[in-house]
Amino acid sequence: MSDQSPTSPDPSDAVPGYTPPSNEPPAYTPPPASDPYAAAPGAYPPPPAADYSTAYPPATTGAAGAVVDWPKRALGGLIDYVAPAIVFGVVGSIIGNAVSSTLGNIIDTVLIAAWWAYLGYLSGTYGITPGRAIAKTKLISEETGQLIGVGQGILRQLGHVLDSLACYIGWLFPLWDAKRQTFADKIVKTVVIDNSADPNAGQIRWS
């Protein structure tokens, strides 16, 4: 037996179709990337996404200002109704003494009616009358929180006729009513709110 060193295998001796294993270590294949939002094993499923398409209800009157109590309403009423009635009564009496009592009464009635219509205009257009400007309150719709317009403002003034019946019980109704409304307010669905946060609250609008 002869001593011969082993020879390297001849590549030509390779079996057709067979690829010999490589001496290099297998390449590292990273695991698939995990979903950062996927729940861990055994964890509770995430809550369903909130549906923000649902419409929210309209804002209540509290969003515009708190409904005022009776004393602030009474302050505005004294300025808007009692003071003018005294002035018109004096004017009617002067004319009545100078000309005739009938004419004096007619002029007094016309002045009061015109003033009440004017208050309806101011209430519907601005929500603020001279009395409300001093009391720093404002009249708005209880349903929309917006101004009610001239027509509704004048209708509300007519509703004060009901407030004046039966010993003026309608004017006192805000003392115990939950919404601090008079009968006229309930007819046209209005509330009187605090307007002191408005920097222009104390300014009187005449037109």
N, C-alpha and C. Protein backbone atom coordinates (compact mmCIF):
# COMPACT_ATOMS: atom_id res chain seq x y z
N MET A 1 0.86 -1.19 0.00
CA MET A 1 0.00 0.00 0.00
C MET A 1 0.88 1.22 0.00
N SER A 2 0.59 2.13 -0.87
CA SER A 2 1.43 3.32 -0.99
C SER A 2 0.85 4.43 -0.17
N ASP A 3 1.74 5.24 0.37
CA ASP A 3 1.27 6.40 1.15
C ASP A 3 1.01 7.57 0.22
N GLN A 4 -0.21 7.83 -0.01
CA GLN A 4 -0.60 8.96 -0.86
C GLN A 4 -1.53 9.89 -0.07
N SER A 5 -1.29 11.17 -0.18
CA SER A 5 -2.16 12.15 0.53
C SER A 5 -3.48 12.25 -0.20
N PRO A 6 -4.54 12.46 0.59
CA PRO A 6 -5.87 12.57 -0.05
C PRO A 6 -5.93 13.78 -0.94
N THR A 7 -6.56 13.64 -2.01
CA THR A 7 -6.69 14.72 -2.99
C THR A 7 -8.03 15.39 -2.84
N SER A 8 -8.13 16.64 -3.26
CA SER A 8 -9.40 17.38 -3.21
C SER A 8 -10.35 16.81 -4.23
N PRO A 9 -11.64 16.81 -3.88
CA PRO A 9 -12.61 16.26 -4.83
C PRO A 9 -12.66 17.09 -6.09
N ASP A 10 -12.82 16.41 -7.15
CA ASP A 10 -12.88 17.05 -8.46
C ASP A 10 -14.29 17.54 -8.69
N PRO A 11 -14.46 18.81 -8.99
CA PRO A 11 -15.81 19.32 -9.24
C PRO A 11 -16.53 18.57 -10.32
N SER A 12 -15.83 17.96 -11.21
CA SER A 12 -16.49 17.23 -12.30
C SER A 12 -17.15 15.96 -11.83
N ASP A 13 -16.78 15.54 -10.58
CA ASP A 13 -17.38 14.31 -10.06
C ASP A 13 -18.71 14.57 -9.37
N ALA A 14 -19.14 15.80 -9.32
CA ALA A 14 -20.39 16.12 -8.63
C ALA A 14 -21.56 15.49 -9.32
N VAL A 15 -22.54 15.10 -8.48
CA VAL A 15 -23.75 14.48 -9.01
C VAL A 15 -24.56 15.56 -9.70
N PRO A 16 -24.99 15.28 -10.93
CA PRO A 16 -25.78 16.29 -11.64
C PRO A 16 -27.03 16.66 -10.85
N GLY A 17 -27.34 17.94 -10.76
CA GLY A 17 -28.55 18.42 -10.07
C GLY A 17 -28.38 18.55 -8.59
N TYR A 18 -27.30 18.19 -8.06
CA TYR A 18 -27.11 18.25 -6.61
C TYR A 18 -26.21 19.41 -6.27
N THR A 19 -26.58 20.17 -5.34
CA THR A 19 -25.78 21.30 -4.89
C THR A 19 -25.22 20.97 -3.52
N PRO A 20 -23.95 20.92 -3.42
CA PRO A 20 -23.35 20.55 -2.14
C PRO A 20 -23.60 21.63 -1.10
N PRO A 21 -23.63 21.23 0.14
CA PRO A 21 -23.84 22.23 1.18
C PRO A 21 -22.68 23.19 1.27
N SER A 22 -22.97 24.41 1.59
CA SER A 22 -21.94 25.42 1.68
C SER A 22 -21.32 25.39 3.06
N ASN A 23 -20.01 25.69 3.10
CA ASN A 23 -19.34 25.76 4.38
C ASN A 23 -19.69 27.03 5.17
N GLU A 24 -20.34 28.02 4.50
CA GLU A 24 -20.72 29.26 5.18
C GLU A 24 -22.01 29.06 5.97
N PRO A 25 -22.10 29.71 7.09
CA PRO A 25 -23.34 29.55 7.88
C PRO A 25 -24.54 30.12 7.12
N PRO A 26 -25.70 29.56 7.37
CA PRO A 26 -26.89 30.05 6.65
C PRO A 26 -27.16 31.52 6.97
N ALA A 27 -27.67 32.21 5.98
CA ALA A 27 -27.98 33.63 6.16
C ALA A 27 -29.13 33.81 7.14
N TYR A 28 -29.05 34.87 7.93
CA TYR A 28 -30.10 35.16 8.94
C TYR A 28 -31.29 35.83 8.28
N THR A 29 -32.43 35.25 8.52
CA THR A 29 -33.68 35.82 7.99
C THR A 29 -34.46 36.44 9.15
N PRO A 30 -34.64 37.74 9.14
CA PRO A 30 -35.36 38.38 10.27
C PRO A 30 -36.82 37.96 10.29
N PRO A 31 -37.39 37.89 11.46
CA PRO A 31 -38.82 37.54 11.54
C PRO A 31 -39.67 38.63 10.92
N PRO A 32 -40.87 38.31 10.51
CA PRO A 32 -41.75 39.33 9.92
C PRO A 32 -42.05 40.43 10.93
N ALA A 33 -42.13 41.64 10.39
CA ALA A 33 -42.40 42.79 11.26
C ALA A 33 -43.78 42.65 11.89
N SER A 34 -43.83 42.93 13.17
CA SER A 34 -45.10 42.81 13.88
C SER A 34 -45.90 44.10 13.75
N ASP A 35 -47.21 43.98 13.81
CA ASP A 35 -48.10 45.14 13.75
C ASP A 35 -48.09 45.84 15.11
N PRO A 36 -47.63 47.09 15.17
CA PRO A 36 -47.58 47.75 16.49
C PRO A 36 -48.94 47.92 17.13
N TYR A 37 -50.01 47.86 16.31
CA TYR A 37 -51.34 48.05 16.85
C TYR A 37 -52.06 46.72 17.11
N ALA A 38 -51.35 45.62 16.79
CA ALA A 38 -51.97 44.32 17.01
C ALA A 38 -51.99 44.01 18.49
N ALA A 39 -53.01 43.33 18.94
CA ALA A 39 -53.13 43.00 20.35
C ALA A 39 -52.18 41.87 20.70
N ALA A 40 -51.62 41.93 21.90
CA ALA A 40 -50.73 40.87 22.37
C ALA A 40 -51.55 39.63 22.64
N PRO A 41 -50.89 38.44 22.61
CA PRO A 41 -51.63 37.20 22.88
C PRO A 41 -52.29 37.25 24.25
N GLY A 42 -53.57 36.91 24.29
CA GLY A 42 -54.29 36.90 25.54
C GLY A 42 -54.83 38.25 25.97
N ALA A 43 -54.52 39.31 25.21
CA ALA A 43 -54.99 40.65 25.59
C ALA A 43 -56.42 40.85 25.11
N TYR A 44 -57.11 41.78 25.77
CA TYR A 44 -58.48 42.10 25.35
C TYR A 44 -58.44 42.84 24.03
N PRO A 45 -59.43 42.60 23.17
CA PRO A 45 -59.46 43.33 21.89
C PRO A 45 -59.68 44.82 22.13
N PRO A 46 -59.12 45.67 21.28
CA PRO A 46 -59.29 47.12 21.47
C PRO A 46 -60.74 47.53 21.28
N PRO A 47 -61.17 48.59 21.95
CA PRO A 47 -62.55 49.05 21.79
C PRO A 47 -62.79 49.56 20.38
N PRO A 48 -64.02 49.50 19.91
CA PRO A 48 -64.31 50.01 18.55
C PRO A 48 -64.05 51.50 18.47
N ALA A 49 -63.66 51.96 17.29
CA ALA A 49 -63.38 53.38 17.09
C ALA A 49 -64.65 54.19 17.26
N ALA A 50 -64.50 55.35 17.87
CA ALA A 50 -65.65 56.22 18.10
C ALA A 50 -66.15 56.80 16.78
N ASP A 51 -67.46 56.93 16.70
CA ASP A 51 -68.07 57.50 15.50
C ASP A 51 -68.31 58.99 15.75
N TYR A 52 -67.49 59.84 15.12
CA TYR A 52 -67.62 61.28 15.31
C TYR A 52 -68.56 61.92 14.29
N SER A 53 -69.19 61.12 13.48
CA SER A 53 -70.09 61.68 12.47
C SER A 53 -71.46 62.00 13.05
N THR A 54 -71.74 61.50 14.28
CA THR A 54 -73.04 61.76 14.88
C THR A 54 -73.18 63.22 15.23
N ALA A 55 -74.25 63.82 14.82
CA ALA A 55 -74.47 65.24 15.09
C ALA A 55 -74.79 65.46 16.56
N TYR A 56 -74.24 66.50 17.12
CA TYR A 56 -74.50 66.84 18.50
C TYR A 56 -75.75 67.72 18.58
N PRO A 57 -76.46 67.66 19.70
CA PRO A 57 -77.65 68.51 19.84
C PRO A 57 -77.26 69.96 19.91
N PRO A 58 -78.16 70.86 19.52
CA PRO A 58 -77.83 72.29 19.58
C PRO A 58 -77.57 72.73 21.00
N ALA A 59 -76.78 73.79 21.08
CA ALA A 59 -76.46 74.31 22.39
C ALA A 59 -77.69 74.87 23.08
N THR A 60 -77.72 74.69 24.43
CA THR A 60 -78.85 75.22 25.18
C THR A 60 -78.62 76.69 25.49
N THR A 61 -79.63 77.28 26.14
CA THR A 61 -79.49 78.69 26.47
C THR A 61 -78.37 78.93 27.45
N GLY A 62 -77.99 77.89 28.22
CA GLY A 62 -76.90 78.08 29.14
C GLY A 62 -75.59 78.40 28.45
N ALA A 63 -75.47 78.03 27.13
CA ALA A 63 -74.24 78.34 26.41
C ALA A 63 -74.12 79.82 26.12
N ALA A 64 -75.25 80.50 26.01
CA ALA A 64 -75.23 81.93 25.72
C ALA A 64 -75.18 82.76 26.98
N GLY A 65 -75.68 82.26 28.11
CA GLY A 65 -75.73 82.98 29.37
C GLY A 65 -76.78 82.39 30.28
N ALA A 66 -76.60 82.58 31.56
CA ALA A 66 -77.54 82.02 32.53
C ALA A 66 -78.85 82.81 32.52
N VAL A 67 -79.94 82.09 32.69
CA VAL A 67 -81.25 82.74 32.78
C VAL A 67 -81.28 83.58 34.06
N VAL A 68 -81.68 84.83 33.94
CA VAL A 68 -81.63 85.74 35.10
C VAL A 68 -82.84 85.53 36.00
N ASP A 69 -82.68 85.93 37.26
CA ASP A 69 -83.78 85.81 38.20
C ASP A 69 -84.70 87.04 38.10
N TRP A 70 -85.76 87.00 38.91
CA TRP A 70 -86.80 88.03 38.79
C TRP A 70 -86.32 89.44 39.12
N PRO A 71 -85.49 89.67 40.14
CA PRO A 71 -85.08 91.05 40.43
C PRO A 71 -84.42 91.78 39.25
N LYS A 72 -83.58 91.08 38.49
CA LYS A 72 -82.96 91.74 37.34
C LYS A 72 -83.99 92.01 36.25
N ARG A 73 -84.94 91.11 36.10
CA ARG A 73 -86.01 91.36 35.14
C ARG A 73 -86.87 92.53 35.60
N ALA A 74 -87.12 92.61 36.89
CA ALA A 74 -87.94 93.70 37.42
C ALA A 74 -87.25 95.05 37.21
N LEU A 75 -85.92 95.08 37.37
CA LEU A 75 -85.19 96.33 37.15
C LEU A 75 -85.37 96.80 35.71
N GLY A 76 -85.21 95.89 34.76
CA GLY A 76 -85.41 96.26 33.36
C GLY A 76 -86.84 96.67 33.08
N GLY A 77 -87.80 95.99 33.72
CA GLY A 77 -89.20 96.32 33.51
C GLY A 77 -89.58 97.69 34.05
N LEU A 78 -89.01 98.07 35.18
CA LEU A 78 -89.29 99.39 35.73
C LEU A 78 -88.86 100.49 34.77
N ILE A 79 -87.72 100.28 34.13
CA ILE A 79 -87.20 101.30 33.21
C ILE A 79 -87.96 101.29 31.89
N ASP A 80 -88.32 100.09 31.42
CA ASP A 80 -88.96 99.98 30.10
C ASP A 80 -90.45 100.31 30.14
N TYR A 81 -91.12 100.03 31.26
CA TYR A 81 -92.58 100.15 31.27
C TYR A 81 -93.11 101.17 32.28
N VAL A 82 -92.64 101.09 33.51
CA VAL A 82 -93.20 101.96 34.55
C VAL A 82 -92.80 103.42 34.33
N ALA A 83 -91.51 103.66 34.12
CA ALA A 83 -91.05 105.04 33.93
C ALA A 83 -91.71 105.70 32.71
N PRO A 84 -91.74 105.04 31.53
CA PRO A 84 -92.42 105.67 30.39
C PRO A 84 -93.91 105.89 30.63
N ALA A 85 -94.56 104.95 31.32
CA ALA A 85 -95.99 105.11 31.58
C ALA A 85 -96.25 106.36 32.41
N ILE A 86 -95.37 106.63 33.37
CA ILE A 86 -95.52 107.84 34.18
C ILE A 86 -95.35 109.09 33.32
N VAL A 87 -94.31 109.08 32.48
CA VAL A 87 -94.06 110.23 31.61
C VAL A 87 -95.23 110.47 30.67
N PHE A 88 -95.71 109.39 30.03
CA PHE A 88 -96.82 109.54 29.08
C PHE A 88 -98.09 109.98 29.80
N GLY A 89 -98.27 109.50 31.03
CA GLY A 89 -99.45 109.92 31.79
C GLY A 89 -99.42 111.40 32.11
N VAL A 90 -98.23 111.90 32.44
CA VAL A 90 -98.10 113.33 32.72
C VAL A 90 -98.38 114.15 31.46
N VAL A 91 -97.83 113.69 30.33
CA VAL A 91 -98.08 114.40 29.06
C VAL A 91 -99.56 114.41 28.73
N GLY A 92 -100.21 113.25 28.90
CA GLY A 92 -101.64 113.17 28.61
C GLY A 92 -102.45 114.07 29.53
N SER A 93 -102.05 114.16 30.78
CA SER A 93 -102.77 115.02 31.73
C SER A 93 -102.62 116.49 31.38
N ILE A 94 -101.41 116.86 30.97
CA ILE A 94 -101.19 118.26 30.59
C ILE A 94 -102.05 118.63 29.40
N ILE A 95 -102.05 117.75 28.39
CA ILE A 95 -102.86 118.02 27.20
C ILE A 95 -104.34 117.99 27.55
N GLY A 96 -104.72 117.06 28.43
CA GLY A 96 -106.12 116.96 28.83
C GLY A 96 -106.59 118.21 29.54
N ASN A 97 -105.76 118.77 30.39
CA ASN A 97 -106.14 119.99 31.10
C ASN A 97 -106.16 121.20 30.17
N ALA A 98 -105.27 121.18 29.16
CA ALA A 98 -105.20 122.33 28.27
C ALA A 98 -106.26 122.28 27.18
N VAL A 99 -106.59 121.10 26.71
CA VAL A 99 -107.53 120.97 25.59
C VAL A 99 -108.80 120.24 26.05
N SER A 100 -108.69 118.92 26.18
CA SER A 100 -109.81 118.11 26.66
C SER A 100 -109.27 116.81 27.23
N SER A 101 -109.99 116.26 28.18
CA SER A 101 -109.55 115.00 28.79
C SER A 101 -109.58 113.86 27.79
N THR A 102 -110.53 113.91 26.86
CA THR A 102 -110.60 112.85 25.84
C THR A 102 -109.36 112.84 24.97
N LEU A 103 -108.97 114.01 24.51
CA LEU A 103 -107.77 114.09 23.69
C LEU A 103 -106.54 113.68 24.48
N GLY A 104 -106.50 114.07 25.74
CA GLY A 104 -105.37 113.67 26.58
C GLY A 104 -105.27 112.17 26.72
N ASN A 105 -106.41 111.50 26.90
CA ASN A 105 -106.41 110.04 27.02
C ASN A 105 -106.00 109.37 25.71
N ILE A 106 -106.45 109.93 24.59
CA ILE A 106 -106.09 109.36 23.29
C ILE A 106 -104.59 109.46 23.07
N ILE A 107 -104.04 110.63 23.34
CA ILE A 107 -102.60 110.82 23.14
C ILE A 107 -101.80 109.90 24.07
N ASP A 108 -102.26 109.77 25.30
CA ASP A 108 -101.59 108.88 26.26
C ASP A 108 -101.58 107.45 25.75
N THR A 109 -102.73 107.00 25.23
CA THR A 109 -102.84 105.63 24.71
C THR A 109 -101.96 105.42 23.49
N VAL A 110 -101.95 106.41 22.58
CA VAL A 110 -101.13 106.29 21.38
C VAL A 110 -99.65 106.25 21.73
N LEU A 111 -99.23 107.07 22.66
CA LEU A 111 -97.82 107.09 23.07
C LEU A 111 -97.41 105.75 23.68
N ILE A 112 -98.26 105.20 24.52
CA ILE A 112 -97.95 103.91 25.14
C ILE A 112 -97.88 102.81 24.10
N ALA A 113 -98.85 102.78 23.17
CA ALA A 113 -98.85 101.76 22.12
C ALA A 113 -97.62 101.87 21.24
N ALA A 114 -97.26 103.10 20.87
CA ALA A 114 -96.07 103.29 20.04
C ALA A 114 -94.81 102.87 20.78
N TRP A 115 -94.75 103.17 22.06
CA TRP A 115 -93.57 102.78 22.85
C TRP A 115 -93.47 101.27 22.98
N TRP A 116 -94.58 100.60 23.20
CA TRP A 116 -94.56 99.14 23.30
C TRP A 116 -94.13 98.50 21.98
N ALA A 117 -94.62 99.05 20.87
CA ALA A 117 -94.20 98.52 19.57
C ALA A 117 -92.70 98.75 19.37
N TYR A 118 -92.22 99.88 19.83
CA TYR A 118 -90.79 100.18 19.72
C TYR A 118 -89.97 99.22 20.57
N LEU A 119 -90.46 98.89 21.75
CA LEU A 119 -89.77 97.89 22.58
C LEU A 119 -89.75 96.53 21.89
N GLY A 120 -90.85 96.20 21.19
CA GLY A 120 -90.87 94.95 20.43
C GLY A 120 -89.83 94.93 19.33
N TYR A 121 -89.68 96.07 18.67
CA TYR A 121 -88.65 96.19 17.63
C TYR A 121 -87.25 96.00 18.22
N LEU A 122 -86.96 96.68 19.31
CA LEU A 122 -85.64 96.55 19.94
C LEU A 122 -85.40 95.12 20.44
N SER A 123 -86.43 94.52 21.03
CA SER A 123 -86.29 93.16 21.56
C SER A 123 -86.01 92.16 20.46
N GLY A 124 -86.73 92.30 19.34
CA GLY A 124 -86.53 91.35 18.25
C GLY A 124 -85.25 91.57 17.48
N THR A 125 -84.81 92.83 17.37
CA THR A 125 -83.63 93.15 16.56
C THR A 125 -82.33 92.98 17.32
N TYR A 126 -82.32 93.44 18.58
CA TYR A 126 -81.08 93.41 19.37
C TYR A 126 -81.18 92.55 20.62
N GLY A 127 -82.40 92.25 21.05
CA GLY A 127 -82.57 91.53 22.31
C GLY A 127 -82.38 92.43 23.52
N ILE A 128 -82.12 93.69 23.29
CA ILE A 128 -81.79 94.63 24.36
C ILE A 128 -82.66 95.88 24.22
N THR A 129 -83.30 96.24 25.31
CA THR A 129 -84.07 97.48 25.42
C THR A 129 -83.31 98.41 26.37
N PRO A 130 -83.76 99.66 26.54
CA PRO A 130 -83.08 100.52 27.51
C PRO A 130 -83.01 99.90 28.90
N GLY A 131 -84.10 99.27 29.33
CA GLY A 131 -84.09 98.64 30.65
C GLY A 131 -83.13 97.46 30.72
N ARG A 132 -83.10 96.64 29.68
CA ARG A 132 -82.18 95.50 29.68
C ARG A 132 -80.73 95.95 29.57
N ALA A 133 -80.51 97.06 28.90
CA ALA A 133 -79.14 97.57 28.81
C ALA A 133 -78.62 97.95 30.19
N ILE A 134 -79.46 98.58 30.99
CA ILE A 134 -79.05 98.97 32.34
C ILE A 134 -78.94 97.75 33.25
N ALA A 135 -79.87 96.80 33.10
CA ALA A 135 -79.82 95.57 33.90
C ALA A 135 -78.81 94.57 33.37
N LYS A 136 -78.27 94.84 32.18
CA LYS A 136 -77.30 93.96 31.52
C LYS A 136 -77.88 92.56 31.32
N THR A 137 -79.06 92.54 30.68
CA THR A 137 -79.71 91.30 30.31
C THR A 137 -80.02 91.33 28.83
N LYS A 138 -80.45 90.19 28.30
CA LYS A 138 -80.74 90.10 26.86
C LYS A 138 -81.84 89.08 26.63
N LEU A 139 -82.69 89.35 25.66
CA LEU A 139 -83.78 88.46 25.29
C LEU A 139 -83.38 87.61 24.10
N ILE A 140 -83.53 86.29 24.21
CA ILE A 140 -83.21 85.38 23.11
C ILE A 140 -84.27 84.29 23.03
N SER A 141 -84.23 83.54 21.94
CA SER A 141 -85.11 82.38 21.80
C SER A 141 -84.59 81.24 22.67
N GLU A 142 -85.48 80.60 23.40
CA GLU A 142 -85.05 79.49 24.24
C GLU A 142 -84.71 78.25 23.41
N GLU A 143 -85.17 78.19 22.16
CA GLU A 143 -84.91 77.03 21.31
C GLU A 143 -83.61 77.15 20.52
N THR A 144 -83.31 78.35 20.03
CA THR A 144 -82.14 78.53 19.17
C THR A 144 -81.04 79.34 19.82
N GLY A 145 -81.36 80.10 20.85
CA GLY A 145 -80.36 80.97 21.45
C GLY A 145 -80.08 82.21 20.63
N GLN A 146 -80.89 82.45 19.60
CA GLN A 146 -80.68 83.59 18.70
C GLN A 146 -81.76 84.66 18.94
N LEU A 147 -81.60 85.79 18.26
CA LEU A 147 -82.61 86.84 18.33
C LEU A 147 -83.90 86.38 17.67
N ILE A 148 -85.02 86.94 18.08
CA ILE A 148 -86.31 86.40 17.62
C ILE A 148 -86.91 87.17 16.45
N GLY A 149 -86.40 88.32 16.10
CA GLY A 149 -86.93 89.09 14.98
C GLY A 149 -88.04 90.04 15.41
N VAL A 150 -88.30 91.02 14.56
CA VAL A 150 -89.24 92.09 14.90
C VAL A 150 -90.66 91.55 15.10
N GLY A 151 -91.10 90.67 14.20
CA GLY A 151 -92.46 90.15 14.31
C GLY A 151 -92.71 89.45 15.63
N GLN A 152 -91.82 88.57 16.02
CA GLN A 152 -91.96 87.87 17.29
C GLN A 152 -91.79 88.82 18.47
N GLY A 153 -90.95 89.83 18.28
CA GLY A 153 -90.77 90.80 19.35
C GLY A 153 -92.05 91.58 19.64
N ILE A 154 -92.75 91.99 18.58
CA ILE A 154 -94.01 92.71 18.76
C ILE A 154 -95.09 91.77 19.31
N LEU A 155 -95.10 90.50 18.84
CA LEU A 155 -96.05 89.53 19.37
C LEU A 155 -95.83 89.32 20.86
N ARG A 156 -94.59 89.31 21.26
CA ARG A 156 -94.29 89.17 22.70
C ARG A 156 -94.83 90.36 23.48
N GLN A 157 -94.73 91.55 22.90
CA GLN A 157 -95.28 92.73 23.58
C GLN A 157 -96.79 92.59 23.76
N LEU A 158 -97.48 92.07 22.75
CA LEU A 158 -98.92 91.85 22.88
C LEU A 158 -99.22 90.82 23.96
N GLY A 159 -98.31 89.85 24.10
CA GLY A 159 -98.49 88.85 25.15
C GLY A 159 -98.44 89.42 26.54
N HIS A 160 -97.83 90.59 26.68
CA HIS A 160 -97.79 91.23 28.00
C HIS A 160 -99.17 91.67 28.47
N VAL A 161 -100.13 91.75 27.54
CA VAL A 161 -101.51 92.04 27.94
C VAL A 161 -102.00 90.92 28.86
N LEU A 162 -101.67 89.67 28.53
CA LEU A 162 -102.02 88.55 29.40
C LEU A 162 -101.29 88.64 30.73
N ASP A 163 -100.04 89.10 30.68
CA ASP A 163 -99.29 89.24 31.93
C ASP A 163 -99.94 90.24 32.87
N SER A 164 -100.64 91.22 32.30
CA SER A 164 -101.23 92.28 33.12
C SER A 164 -102.60 91.91 33.68
N LEU A 165 -103.18 90.81 33.21
CA LEU A 165 -104.48 90.38 33.72
C LEU A 165 -104.32 89.73 35.09
N ALA A 166 -105.42 89.69 35.83
CA ALA A 166 -105.46 89.02 37.14
C ALA A 166 -104.35 89.51 38.06
N CYS A 167 -104.37 90.81 38.32
CA CYS A 167 -103.43 91.43 39.27
C CYS A 167 -101.97 91.28 38.83
N TYR A 168 -101.75 91.36 37.54
CA TYR A 168 -100.38 91.33 36.99
C TYR A 168 -99.63 90.04 37.36
N ILE A 169 -100.37 88.94 37.42
CA ILE A 169 -99.75 87.68 37.83
C ILE A 169 -98.69 87.21 36.84
N GLY A 170 -98.88 87.55 35.56
CA GLY A 170 -97.90 87.12 34.56
C GLY A 170 -96.55 87.76 34.75
N TRP A 171 -96.53 89.01 35.21
CA TRP A 171 -95.26 89.69 35.46
C TRP A 171 -94.53 89.06 36.65
N LEU A 172 -95.29 88.48 37.57
CA LEU A 172 -94.69 87.85 38.75
C LEU A 172 -94.35 86.38 38.53
N PHE A 173 -94.81 85.83 37.41
CA PHE A 173 -94.62 84.40 37.16
C PHE A 173 -93.16 83.96 37.19
N PRO A 174 -92.19 84.78 36.75
CA PRO A 174 -90.78 84.35 36.82
C PRO A 174 -90.28 84.08 38.24
N LEU A 175 -91.02 84.51 39.27
CA LEU A 175 -90.59 84.26 40.64
C LEU A 175 -90.53 82.77 40.96
N TRP A 176 -91.44 81.97 40.37
CA TRP A 176 -91.47 80.55 40.67
C TRP A 176 -91.34 79.67 39.43
N ASP A 177 -91.33 80.26 38.26
CA ASP A 177 -91.20 79.46 37.04
C ASP A 177 -89.76 78.97 36.88
N ALA A 178 -89.59 77.73 36.42
CA ALA A 178 -88.25 77.14 36.30
C ALA A 178 -87.39 77.90 35.30
N LYS A 179 -88.01 78.42 34.23
CA LYS A 179 -87.25 79.15 33.21
C LYS A 179 -87.33 80.66 33.40
N ARG A 180 -87.94 81.10 34.49
CA ARG A 180 -88.08 82.53 34.79
C ARG A 180 -88.79 83.26 33.65
N GLN A 181 -89.87 82.65 33.15
CA GLN A 181 -90.60 83.21 32.02
C GLN A 181 -91.91 83.84 32.46
N THR A 182 -92.30 84.89 31.75
CA THR A 182 -93.65 85.43 31.88
C THR A 182 -94.56 84.68 30.91
N PHE A 183 -95.85 85.00 30.93
CA PHE A 183 -96.75 84.38 29.95
C PHE A 183 -96.34 84.75 28.53
N ALA A 184 -95.94 86.00 28.35
CA ALA A 184 -95.51 86.44 27.01
C ALA A 184 -94.29 85.65 26.54
N ASP A 185 -93.37 85.35 27.46
CA ASP A 185 -92.20 84.54 27.09
C ASP A 185 -92.61 83.15 26.65
N LYS A 186 -93.57 82.58 27.34
CA LYS A 186 -93.99 81.22 26.99
C LYS A 186 -94.70 81.18 25.64
N ILE A 187 -95.38 82.26 25.29
CA ILE A 187 -96.09 82.30 24.01
C ILE A 187 -95.10 82.25 22.85
N VAL A 188 -94.05 83.05 22.92
CA VAL A 188 -93.08 83.12 21.81
C VAL A 188 -91.80 82.33 22.10
N LYS A 189 -91.76 81.65 23.26
CA LYS A 189 -90.63 80.79 23.64
C LYS A 189 -89.32 81.58 23.71
N THR A 190 -89.31 82.54 24.63
CA THR A 190 -88.12 83.34 24.85
C THR A 190 -87.69 83.25 26.31
N VAL A 191 -86.43 83.57 26.55
CA VAL A 191 -85.89 83.67 27.90
C VAL A 191 -85.04 84.93 27.98
N VAL A 192 -84.87 85.43 29.17
CA VAL A 192 -84.00 86.59 29.41
C VAL A 192 -82.75 86.08 30.12
N ILE A 193 -81.59 86.33 29.53
CA ILE A 193 -80.34 85.81 30.05
C ILE A 193 -79.44 86.93 30.55
N ASP A 194 -78.46 86.56 31.35
CA ASP A 194 -77.46 87.52 31.81
C ASP A 194 -76.53 87.88 30.66
N ASN A 195 -76.32 89.17 30.46
CA ASN A 195 -75.49 89.63 29.35
C ASN A 195 -74.31 90.47 29.84
N SER A 196 -73.97 90.32 31.11
CA SER A 196 -72.92 91.16 31.69
C SER A 196 -71.55 90.88 31.11
N ALA A 197 -71.35 89.69 30.51
CA ALA A 197 -70.04 89.37 29.92
C ALA A 197 -69.79 90.13 28.63
N ASP A 198 -70.84 90.65 28.01
CA ASP A 198 -70.69 91.42 26.77
C ASP A 198 -70.12 92.80 27.11
N PRO A 199 -68.98 93.17 26.51
CA PRO A 199 -68.40 94.49 26.81
C PRO A 199 -69.32 95.65 26.43
N ASN A 200 -70.28 95.42 25.53
CA ASN A 200 -71.21 96.47 25.12
C ASN A 200 -72.57 96.34 25.80
N ALA A 201 -72.62 95.56 26.88
CA ALA A 201 -73.90 95.26 27.50
C ALA A 201 -74.60 96.50 28.02
N GLY A 202 -73.88 97.48 28.51
CA GLY A 202 -74.50 98.65 29.10
C GLY A 202 -74.88 99.74 28.13
N GLN A 203 -74.62 99.52 26.85
CA GLN A 203 -74.92 100.55 25.85
C GLN A 203 -76.37 100.42 25.39
N ILE A 204 -77.06 101.53 25.34
CA ILE A 204 -78.47 101.55 24.92
C ILE A 204 -78.55 101.76 23.41
N ARG A 205 -79.28 100.86 22.75
CA ARG A 205 -79.52 100.99 21.31
C ARG A 205 -80.89 101.62 21.11
N TRP A 206 -80.93 102.71 20.34
CA TRP A 206 -82.19 103.40 20.12
C TRP A 206 -82.77 103.14 18.73
N SER A 207 -81.96 102.61 17.81
CA SER A 207 -82.48 102.38 16.46
C SER A 207 -81.82 101.15 15.85
